[in-house]
């Protein structure tokens, strides 16, 4: 049972149903991730070039440690220096 409030809702519901019946709806496919590689459900190893992490560096220990050091020094967005001045804090 579907509830239809307007002609537009009815149009969208009909379009969605017809696309579903035609097999035209997209769905998410789960992949197992191994650094920059992904492994498809059929066992193939694929290089994911559409990711921001195609080199697999997001999990690299040196990158993680550098990010942790940077976070310990302080992070966060602040207002423009013209509005809120600037910090004289010495960063190591």
PDB file of N, CA and C in Angstrom:
ATOM      1  N   UNK A   1       0.842  -1.178   0.000  1.00  0.00           N
ATOM      2  CA  UNK A   1       0.000   0.000   0.000  1.00  0.00           C
ATOM      3  C   UNK A   1       0.883   1.236   0.000  1.00  0.00           C
ATOM      4  N   UNK A   2       0.608   2.187  -0.873  1.00  0.00           N
ATOM      5  CA  UNK A   2       1.368   3.424  -0.877  1.00  0.00           C
ATOM      6  C   UNK A   2       0.413   4.594  -0.724  1.00  0.00           C
ATOM      7  N   UNK A   3       0.877   5.578   0.000  1.00  0.00           N
ATOM      8  CA  UNK A   3       0.085   6.774   0.230  1.00  0.00           C
ATOM      9  C   UNK A   3       0.521   7.825  -0.781  1.00  0.00           C
ATOM     10  N   UNK A   4      -0.433   8.397  -1.507  1.00  0.00           N
ATOM     11  CA  UNK A   4      -0.128   9.399  -2.528  1.00  0.00           C
ATOM     12  C   UNK A   4      -0.813  10.698  -2.129  1.00  0.00           C
ATOM     13  N   UNK A   5       0.006  11.751  -1.967  1.00  0.00           N
ATOM     14  CA  UNK A   5      -0.544  13.022  -1.509  1.00  0.00           C
ATOM     15  C   UNK A   5      -0.857  13.968  -2.659  1.00  0.00           C
ATOM     16  N   UNK A   6      -0.056  13.940  -3.709  1.00  0.00           N
ATOM     17  CA  UNK A   6      -0.239  14.873  -4.810  1.00  0.00           C
ATOM     18  C   UNK A   6      -0.018  14.158  -6.139  1.00  0.00           C
ATOM     19  N   UNK A   7      -0.330  14.860  -7.224  1.00  0.00           N
ATOM     20  CA  UNK A   7      -0.057  14.302  -8.554  1.00  0.00           C
ATOM     21  C   UNK A   7       1.445  14.065  -8.743  1.00  0.00           C
ATOM     22  N   UNK A   8       2.254  14.962  -8.201  1.00  0.00           N
ATOM     23  CA  UNK A   8       3.706  14.824  -8.301  1.00  0.00           C
ATOM     24  C   UNK A   8       4.171  13.570  -7.567  1.00  0.00           C
ATOM     25  N   UNK A   9       3.629  13.339  -6.359  1.00  0.00           N
ATOM     26  CA  UNK A   9       3.974  12.128  -5.613  1.00  0.00           C
ATOM     27  C   UNK A   9       3.582  10.880  -6.401  1.00  0.00           C
ATOM     28  N   UNK A  10       2.415  10.914  -7.035  1.00  0.00           N
ATOM     29  CA  UNK A  10       1.954   9.773  -7.824  1.00  0.00           C
ATOM     30  C   UNK A  10       2.881   9.543  -9.015  1.00  0.00           C
ATOM     31  N   UNK A  11       3.283  10.608  -9.680  1.00  0.00           N
ATOM     32  CA  UNK A  11       4.199  10.494 -10.816  1.00  0.00           C
ATOM     33  C   UNK A  11       5.517   9.866 -10.387  1.00  0.00           C
ATOM     34  N   UNK A  12       6.076  10.370  -9.278  1.00  0.00           N
ATOM     35  CA  UNK A  12       7.355   9.845  -8.796  1.00  0.00           C
ATOM     36  C   UNK A  12       7.232   8.387  -8.369  1.00  0.00           C
ATOM     37  N   UNK A  13       6.148   8.036  -7.706  1.00  0.00           N
ATOM     38  CA  UNK A  13       5.938   6.655  -7.283  1.00  0.00           C
ATOM     39  C   UNK A  13       5.837   5.734  -8.490  1.00  0.00           C
ATOM     40  N   UNK A  14       5.118   6.166  -9.532  1.00  0.00           N
ATOM     41  CA  UNK A  14       4.991   5.352 -10.743  1.00  0.00           C
ATOM     42  C   UNK A  14       6.333   5.197 -11.451  1.00  0.00           C
ATOM     43  N   UNK A  15       7.098   6.288 -11.546  1.00  0.00           N
ATOM     44  CA  UNK A  15       8.422   6.229 -12.170  1.00  0.00           C
ATOM     45  C   UNK A  15       9.346   5.281 -11.419  1.00  0.00           C
ATOM     46  N   UNK A  16       9.331   5.391 -10.095  1.00  0.00           N
ATOM     47  CA  UNK A  16      10.174   4.529  -9.278  1.00  0.00           C
ATOM     48  C   UNK A  16       9.796   3.063  -9.476  1.00  0.00           C
ATOM     49  N   UNK A  17       8.521   2.782  -9.493  1.00  0.00           N
ATOM     50  CA  UNK A  17       8.058   1.409  -9.680  1.00  0.00           C
ATOM     51  C   UNK A  17       8.442   0.869 -11.062  1.00  0.00           C
ATOM     52  N   UNK A  18       8.269   1.678 -12.106  1.00  0.00           N
ATOM     53  CA  UNK A  18       8.604   1.203 -13.451  1.00  0.00           C
ATOM     54  C   UNK A  18      10.104   1.004 -13.614  1.00  0.00           C
ATOM     55  N   UNK A  19      10.906   1.865 -13.015  1.00  0.00           N
ATOM     56  CA  UNK A  19      12.360   1.696 -13.091  1.00  0.00           C
ATOM     57  C   UNK A  19      12.816   0.476 -12.302  1.00  0.00           C
ATOM     58  N   UNK A  20      12.153   0.235 -11.181  1.00  0.00           N
ATOM     59  CA  UNK A  20      12.467  -0.946 -10.388  1.00  0.00           C
ATOM     60  C   UNK A  20      12.160  -2.215 -11.178  1.00  0.00           C
ATOM     61  N   UNK A  21      11.000  -2.255 -11.823  1.00  0.00           N
ATOM     62  CA  UNK A  21      10.612  -3.420 -12.614  1.00  0.00           C
ATOM     63  C   UNK A  21      11.549  -3.633 -13.802  1.00  0.00           C
ATOM     64  N   UNK A  22      12.110  -2.548 -14.337  1.00  0.00           N
ATOM     65  CA  UNK A  22      13.027  -2.645 -15.477  1.00  0.00           C
ATOM     66  C   UNK A  22      14.464  -2.934 -15.036  1.00  0.00           C
ATOM     67  N   UNK A  23      14.699  -3.037 -13.731  1.00  0.00           N
ATOM     68  CA  UNK A  23      16.051  -3.303 -13.231  1.00  0.00           C
ATOM     69  C   UNK A  23      16.982  -2.121 -13.354  1.00  0.00           C
ATOM     70  N   UNK A  24      16.437  -0.912 -13.325  1.00  0.00           N
ATOM     71  CA  UNK A  24      17.247   0.292 -13.524  1.00  0.00           C
ATOM     72  C   UNK A  24      17.605   1.026 -12.237  1.00  0.00           C
ATOM     73  N   UNK A  25      17.262   0.462 -11.101  1.00  0.00           N
ATOM     74  CA  UNK A  25      17.619   1.118  -9.842  1.00  0.00           C
ATOM     75  C   UNK A  25      19.044   0.749  -9.455  1.00  0.00           C
ATOM     76  N   UNK A  26      19.768   1.719  -8.956  1.00  0.00           N
ATOM     77  CA  UNK A  26      21.129   1.462  -8.501  1.00  0.00           C
ATOM     78  C   UNK A  26      21.083   0.888  -7.097  1.00  0.00           C
ATOM     79  N   UNK A  27      22.092   0.135  -6.761  1.00  0.00           N
ATOM     80  CA  UNK A  27      22.203  -0.378  -5.398  1.00  0.00           C
ATOM     81  C   UNK A  27      23.679  -0.397  -5.016  1.00  0.00           C
ATOM     82  N   UNK A  28      23.919  -0.330  -3.742  1.00  0.00           N
ATOM     83  CA  UNK A  28      25.293  -0.354  -3.246  1.00  0.00           C
ATOM     84  C   UNK A  28      25.790  -1.789  -3.211  1.00  0.00           C
ATOM     85  N   UNK A  29      27.035  -1.968  -3.649  1.00  0.00           N
ATOM     86  CA  UNK A  29      27.659  -3.286  -3.610  1.00  0.00           C
ATOM     87  C   UNK A  29      28.750  -3.265  -2.555  1.00  0.00           C
ATOM     88  N   UNK A  30      28.701  -4.170  -1.608  1.00  0.00           N
ATOM     89  CA  UNK A  30      29.757  -4.178  -0.588  1.00  0.00           C
ATOM     90  C   UNK A  30      31.054  -4.749  -1.132  1.00  0.00           C
ATOM     91  N   UNK A  31      32.163  -4.105  -0.789  1.00  0.00           N
ATOM     92  CA  UNK A  31      33.485  -4.572  -1.154  1.00  0.00           C
ATOM     93  C   UNK A  31      34.323  -4.659   0.109  1.00  0.00           C
ATOM     94  N   UNK A  32      35.265  -5.569   0.123  1.00  0.00           N
ATOM     95  CA  UNK A  32      36.229  -5.624   1.213  1.00  0.00           C
ATOM     96  C   UNK A  32      37.407  -4.758   0.801  1.00  0.00           C
ATOM     97  N   UNK A  33      37.894  -3.928   1.677  1.00  0.00           N
ATOM     98  CA  UNK A  33      38.950  -2.976   1.352  1.00  0.00           C
ATOM     99  C   UNK A  33      40.292  -3.484   1.850  1.00  0.00           C
ATOM    100  N   UNK A  34      41.306  -3.394   1.003  1.00  0.00           N
ATOM    101  CA  UNK A  34      42.691  -3.721   1.366  1.00  0.00           C
ATOM    102  C   UNK A  34      43.575  -2.580   0.894  1.00  0.00           C
ATOM    103  N   UNK A  35      43.790  -1.606   1.732  1.00  0.00           N
ATOM    104  CA  UNK A  35      44.524  -0.387   1.363  1.00  0.00           C
ATOM    105  C   UNK A  35      43.869   0.243   0.148  1.00  0.00           C
ATOM    106  N   UNK A  36      44.588   0.479  -0.953  1.00  0.00           N
ATOM    107  CA  UNK A  36      43.990   1.088  -2.137  1.00  0.00           C
ATOM    108  C   UNK A  36      43.171   0.111  -2.956  1.00  0.00           C
ATOM    109  N   UNK A  37      43.332  -1.170  -2.681  1.00  0.00           N
ATOM    110  CA  UNK A  37      42.616  -2.198  -3.429  1.00  0.00           C
ATOM    111  C   UNK A  37      41.258  -2.453  -2.806  1.00  0.00           C
ATOM    112  N   UNK A  38      40.353  -2.904  -3.606  1.00  0.00           N
ATOM    113  CA  UNK A  38      39.100  -3.449  -3.102  1.00  0.00           C
ATOM    114  C   UNK A  38      38.961  -4.853  -3.674  1.00  0.00           C
ATOM    115  N   UNK A  39      38.310  -5.708  -2.927  1.00  0.00           N
ATOM    116  CA  UNK A  39      38.095  -7.073  -3.381  1.00  0.00           C
ATOM    117  C   UNK A  39      36.606  -7.247  -3.608  1.00  0.00           C
ATOM    118  N   UNK A  40      36.247  -7.568  -4.832  1.00  0.00           N
ATOM    119  CA  UNK A  40      34.847  -7.751  -5.183  1.00  0.00           C
ATOM    120  C   UNK A  40      34.325  -9.040  -4.560  1.00  0.00           C
ATOM    121  N   UNK A  41      33.012  -9.166  -4.504  1.00  0.00           N
ATOM    122  CA  UNK A  41      32.419 -10.341  -3.881  1.00  0.00           C
ATOM    123  C   UNK A  41      32.720 -11.628  -4.641  1.00  0.00           C
ATOM    124  N   UNK A  42      33.203 -11.519  -5.870  1.00  0.00           N
ATOM    125  CA  UNK A  42      33.570 -12.725  -6.620  1.00  0.00           C
ATOM    126  C   UNK A  42      35.059 -13.052  -6.483  1.00  0.00           C
ATOM    127  N   UNK A  43      35.771 -12.336  -5.586  1.00  0.00           N
ATOM    128  CA  UNK A  43      37.171 -12.624  -5.306  1.00  0.00           C
ATOM    129  C   UNK A  43      38.171 -11.849  -6.139  1.00  0.00           C
ATOM    130  N   UNK A  44      37.711 -11.071  -7.127  1.00  0.00           N
ATOM    131  CA  UNK A  44      38.652 -10.294  -7.953  1.00  0.00           C
ATOM    132  C   UNK A  44      39.237  -9.154  -7.141  1.00  0.00           C
ATOM    133  N   UNK A  45      40.511  -8.857  -7.357  1.00  0.00           N
ATOM    134  CA  UNK A  45      41.176  -7.716  -6.719  1.00  0.00           C
ATOM    135  C   UNK A  45      41.150  -6.555  -7.702  1.00  0.00           C
ATOM    136  N   UNK A  46      40.564  -5.448  -7.306  1.00  0.00           N
ATOM    137  CA  UNK A  46      40.397  -4.299  -8.189  1.00  0.00           C
ATOM    138  C   UNK A  46      41.053  -3.079  -7.573  1.00  0.00           C
ATOM    139  N   UNK A  47      41.617  -2.215  -8.394  1.00  0.00           N
ATOM    140  CA  UNK A  47      42.180  -0.961  -7.925  1.00  0.00           C
ATOM    141  C   UNK A  47      41.092   0.098  -7.996  1.00  0.00           C
ATOM    142  N   UNK A  48      40.794   0.725  -6.873  1.00  0.00           N
ATOM    143  CA  UNK A  48      39.735   1.716  -6.790  1.00  0.00           C
ATOM    144  C   UNK A  48      40.311   3.100  -7.090  1.00  0.00           C
ATOM    145  N   UNK A  49      40.222   3.531  -8.344  1.00  0.00           N
ATOM    146  CA  UNK A  49      40.749   4.837  -8.737  1.00  0.00           C
ATOM    147  C   UNK A  49      39.737   5.957  -8.537  1.00  0.00           C
ATOM    148  N   UNK A  50      38.533   5.643  -8.089  1.00  0.00           N
ATOM    149  CA  UNK A  50      37.531   6.679  -7.862  1.00  0.00           C
ATOM    150  C   UNK A  50      37.527   7.143  -6.409  1.00  0.00           C
ATOM    151  N   UNK A  51      38.352   6.571  -5.578  1.00  0.00           N
ATOM    152  CA  UNK A  51      38.419   6.928  -4.171  1.00  0.00           C
ATOM    153  C   UNK A  51      39.443   8.039  -3.965  1.00  0.00           C
ATOM    154  N   UNK A  52      39.299   8.762  -2.880  1.00  0.00           N
ATOM    155  CA  UNK A  52      40.333   9.732  -2.514  1.00  0.00           C
ATOM    156  C   UNK A  52      41.549   9.029  -1.929  1.00  0.00           C
ATOM    157  N   UNK A  53      41.447   7.733  -1.684  1.00  0.00           N
ATOM    158  CA  UNK A  53      42.536   6.967  -1.086  1.00  0.00           C
ATOM    159  C   UNK A  53      43.016   5.867  -2.029  1.00  0.00           C
ATOM    160  N   UNK A  54      43.134   6.182  -3.318  1.00  0.00           N
ATOM    161  CA  UNK A  54      43.515   5.155  -4.282  1.00  0.00           C
ATOM    162  C   UNK A  54      44.940   4.657  -4.099  1.00  0.00           C
ATOM    163  N   UNK A  55      45.767   5.393  -3.367  1.00  0.00           N
ATOM    164  CA  UNK A  55      47.122   4.920  -3.077  1.00  0.00           C
ATOM    165  C   UNK A  55      47.179   4.099  -1.792  1.00  0.00           C
ATOM    166  N   UNK A  56      46.069   4.073  -1.051  1.00  0.00           N
ATOM    167  CA  UNK A  56      46.020   3.290   0.178  1.00  0.00           C
ATOM    168  C   UNK A  56      46.787   3.911   1.330  1.00  0.00           C
ATOM    169  N   UNK A  57      46.982   5.217   1.302  1.00  0.00           N
ATOM    170  CA  UNK A  57      47.784   5.871   2.344  1.00  0.00           C
ATOM    171  C   UNK A  57      46.975   6.214   3.596  1.00  0.00           C
ATOM    172  N   UNK A  58      45.668   6.197   3.532  1.00  0.00           N
ATOM    173  CA  UNK A  58      44.848   6.578   4.684  1.00  0.00           C
ATOM    174  C   UNK A  58      45.104   5.671   5.882  1.00  0.00           C
ATOM    175  N   UNK A  59      45.476   4.433   5.645  1.00  0.00           N
ATOM    176  CA  UNK A  59      45.746   3.485   6.729  1.00  0.00           C
ATOM    177  C   UNK A  59      47.231   3.277   6.970  1.00  0.00           C
ATOM    178  N   UNK A  60      48.069   3.999   6.242  1.00  0.00           N
ATOM    179  CA  UNK A  60      49.512   3.828   6.396  1.00  0.00           C
ATOM    180  C   UNK A  60      49.933   4.335   7.770  1.00  0.00           C
ATOM    181  N   UNK A  61      50.733   3.569   8.519  1.00  0.00           N
ATOM    182  CA  UNK A  61      51.126   3.971   9.879  1.00  0.00           C
ATOM    183  C   UNK A  61      51.809   5.334   9.947  1.00  0.00           C
ATOM    184  N   UNK A  62      52.653   5.673   8.987  1.00  0.00           N
ATOM    185  CA  UNK A  62      53.349   6.964   9.016  1.00  0.00           C
ATOM    186  C   UNK A  62      52.362   8.116   8.821  1.00  0.00           C
ATOM    187  N   UNK A  63      51.375   7.925   7.969  1.00  0.00           N
ATOM    188  CA  UNK A  63      50.362   8.966   7.743  1.00  0.00           C
ATOM    189  C   UNK A  63      49.499   9.119   8.985  1.00  0.00           C
ATOM    190  N   UNK A  64      49.104   8.010   9.595  1.00  0.00           N
ATOM    191  CA  UNK A  64      48.286   8.063  10.810  1.00  0.00           C
ATOM    192  C   UNK A  64      49.035   8.767  11.942  1.00  0.00           C
ATOM    193  N   UNK A  65      50.322   8.476  12.092  1.00  0.00           N
ATOM    194  CA  UNK A  65      51.120   9.116  13.141  1.00  0.00           C
ATOM    195  C   UNK A  65      51.278  10.612  12.880  1.00  0.00           C
ATOM    196  N   UNK A  66      51.502  10.997  11.632  1.00  0.00           N
ATOM    197  CA  UNK A  66      51.626  12.424  11.296  1.00  0.00           C
ATOM    198  C   UNK A  66      50.318  13.153  11.580  1.00  0.00           C
ATOM    199  N   UNK A  67      49.195  12.529  11.271  1.00  0.00           N
ATOM    200  CA  UNK A  67      47.892  13.146  11.552  1.00  0.00           C
ATOM    201  C   UNK A  67      47.673  13.281  13.053  1.00  0.00           C
ATOM    202  N   UNK A  68      48.088  12.274  13.823  1.00  0.00           N
ATOM    203  CA  UNK A  68      47.943  12.337  15.278  1.00  0.00           C
ATOM    204  C   UNK A  68      48.804  13.448  15.864  1.00  0.00           C
ATOM    205  N   UNK A  69      50.049  13.583  15.366  1.00  0.00           N
ATOM    206  CA  UNK A  69      50.918  14.670  15.847  1.00  0.00           C
ATOM    207  C   UNK A  69      50.302  16.029  15.533  1.00  0.00           C
ATOM    208  N   UNK A  70      49.766  16.176  14.340  1.00  0.00           N
ATOM    209  CA  UNK A  70      49.145  17.444  13.947  1.00  0.00           C
ATOM    210  C   UNK A  70      47.930  17.746  14.828  1.00  0.00           C
ATOM    211  N   UNK A  71      47.129  16.736  15.135  1.00  0.00           N
ATOM    212  CA  UNK A  71      45.948  16.945  15.980  1.00  0.00           C
ATOM    213  C   UNK A  71      46.347  17.330  17.404  1.00  0.00           C
ATOM    214  N   UNK A  72      47.445  16.760  17.904  1.00  0.00           N
ATOM    215  CA  UNK A  72      47.906  17.119  19.255  1.00  0.00           C
ATOM    216  C   UNK A  72      48.361  18.572  19.327  1.00  0.00           C
ATOM    217  N   UNK A  73      48.835  19.130  18.209  1.00  0.00           N
ATOM    218  CA  UNK A  73      49.242  20.539  18.180  1.00  0.00           C
ATOM    219  C   UNK A  73      48.037  21.466  18.175  1.00  0.00           C
ATOM    220  N   UNK A  74      46.892  20.934  17.832  1.00  0.00           N
ATOM    221  CA  UNK A  74      45.670  21.740  17.788  1.00  0.00           C
ATOM    222  C   UNK A  74      45.114  21.797  16.390  1.00  0.00           C
ATOM    223  N   UNK A  75      43.830  21.774  16.319  1.00  0.00           N
ATOM    224  CA  UNK A  75      43.190  21.835  15.019  1.00  0.00           C
ATOM    225  C   UNK A  75      41.810  22.432  15.177  1.00  0.00           C
ATOM    226  N   UNK A  76      41.237  22.834  14.087  1.00  0.00           N
ATOM    227  CA  UNK A  76      39.886  23.379  14.107  1.00  0.00           C
ATOM    228  C   UNK A  76      39.808  24.648  13.296  1.00  0.00           C
ATOM    229  N   UNK A  77      38.615  24.934  12.861  1.00  0.00           N
ATOM    230  CA  UNK A  77      38.395  26.137  12.065  1.00  0.00           C
ATOM    231  C   UNK A  77      38.187  27.329  12.986  1.00  0.00           C
ATOM    232  N   UNK A  78      38.722  28.450  12.602  1.00  0.00           N
ATOM    233  CA  UNK A  78      38.501  29.689  13.339  1.00  0.00           C
ATOM    234  C   UNK A  78      38.053  30.749  12.349  1.00  0.00           C
ATOM    235  N   UNK A  79      37.753  31.908  12.849  1.00  0.00           N
ATOM    236  CA  UNK A  79      37.329  33.006  11.976  1.00  0.00           C
ATOM    237  C   UNK A  79      38.534  33.565  11.219  1.00  0.00           C
ATOM    238  N   UNK A  80      38.251  34.404  10.272  1.00  0.00           N
ATOM    239  CA  UNK A  80      39.290  35.058   9.496  1.00  0.00           C
ATOM    240  C   UNK A  80      40.214  35.841  10.418  1.00  0.00           C
ATOM    241  N   UNK A  81      41.506  35.879  10.086  1.00  0.00           N
ATOM    242  CA  UNK A  81      42.464  36.643  10.897  1.00  0.00           C
ATOM    243  C   UNK A  81      42.097  38.117  10.941  1.00  0.00           C
ATOM    244  N   UNK A  82      41.447  38.636   9.905  1.00  0.00           N
ATOM    245  CA  UNK A  82      41.058  40.040   9.907  1.00  0.00           C
ATOM    246  C   UNK A  82      39.979  40.328  10.941  1.00  0.00           C
ATOM    247  N   UNK A  83      39.202  39.307  11.308  1.00  0.00           N
ATOM    248  CA  UNK A  83      38.133  39.484  12.299  1.00  0.00           C
ATOM    249  C   UNK A  83      38.609  39.116  13.694  1.00  0.00           C
ATOM    250  N   UNK A  84      39.301  38.000  13.824  1.00  0.00           N
ATOM    251  CA  UNK A  84      39.643  37.463  15.140  1.00  0.00           C
ATOM    252  C   UNK A  84      41.133  37.554  15.464  1.00  0.00           C
ATOM    253  N   UNK A  85      41.902  38.286  14.697  1.00  0.00           N
ATOM    254  CA  UNK A  85      43.340  38.416  14.893  1.00  0.00           C
ATOM    255  C   UNK A  85      44.020  37.094  14.591  1.00  0.00           C
ATOM    256  N   UNK A  86      45.258  36.961  15.013  1.00  0.00           N
ATOM    257  CA  UNK A  86      45.974  35.716  14.774  1.00  0.00           C
ATOM    258  C   UNK A  86      46.638  35.289  16.068  1.00  0.00           C
ATOM    259  N   UNK A  87      47.009  34.040  16.120  1.00  0.00           N
ATOM    260  CA  UNK A  87      47.575  33.470  17.328  1.00  0.00           C
ATOM    261  C   UNK A  87      49.092  33.605  17.309  1.00  0.00           C
ATOM    262  N   UNK A  88      49.650  33.974  18.429  1.00  0.00           N
ATOM    263  CA  UNK A  88      51.091  34.055  18.565  1.00  0.00           C
ATOM    264  C   UNK A  88      51.671  32.748  19.092  1.00  0.00           C
ATOM    265  N   UNK A  89      50.842  31.715  19.195  1.00  0.00           N
ATOM    266  CA  UNK A  89      51.278  30.428  19.703  1.00  0.00           C
ATOM    267  C   UNK A  89      52.355  29.837  18.797  1.00  0.00           C
ATOM    268  N   UNK A  90      53.435  29.407  19.430  1.00  0.00           N
ATOM    269  CA  UNK A  90      54.508  28.777  18.677  1.00  0.00           C
ATOM    270  C   UNK A  90      54.153  27.312  18.499  1.00  0.00           C
ATOM    271  N   UNK A  91      54.166  26.840  17.276  1.00  0.00           N
ATOM    272  CA  UNK A  91      53.834  25.434  16.991  1.00  0.00           C
ATOM    273  C   UNK A  91      55.123  24.665  16.779  1.00  0.00           C
ATOM    274  N   UNK A  92      55.184  23.488  17.367  1.00  0.00           N
ATOM    275  CA  UNK A  92      56.364  22.635  17.212  1.00  0.00           C
ATOM    276  C   UNK A  92      56.182  21.666  16.092  1.00  0.00           C
TER     277      UNK A  92
END
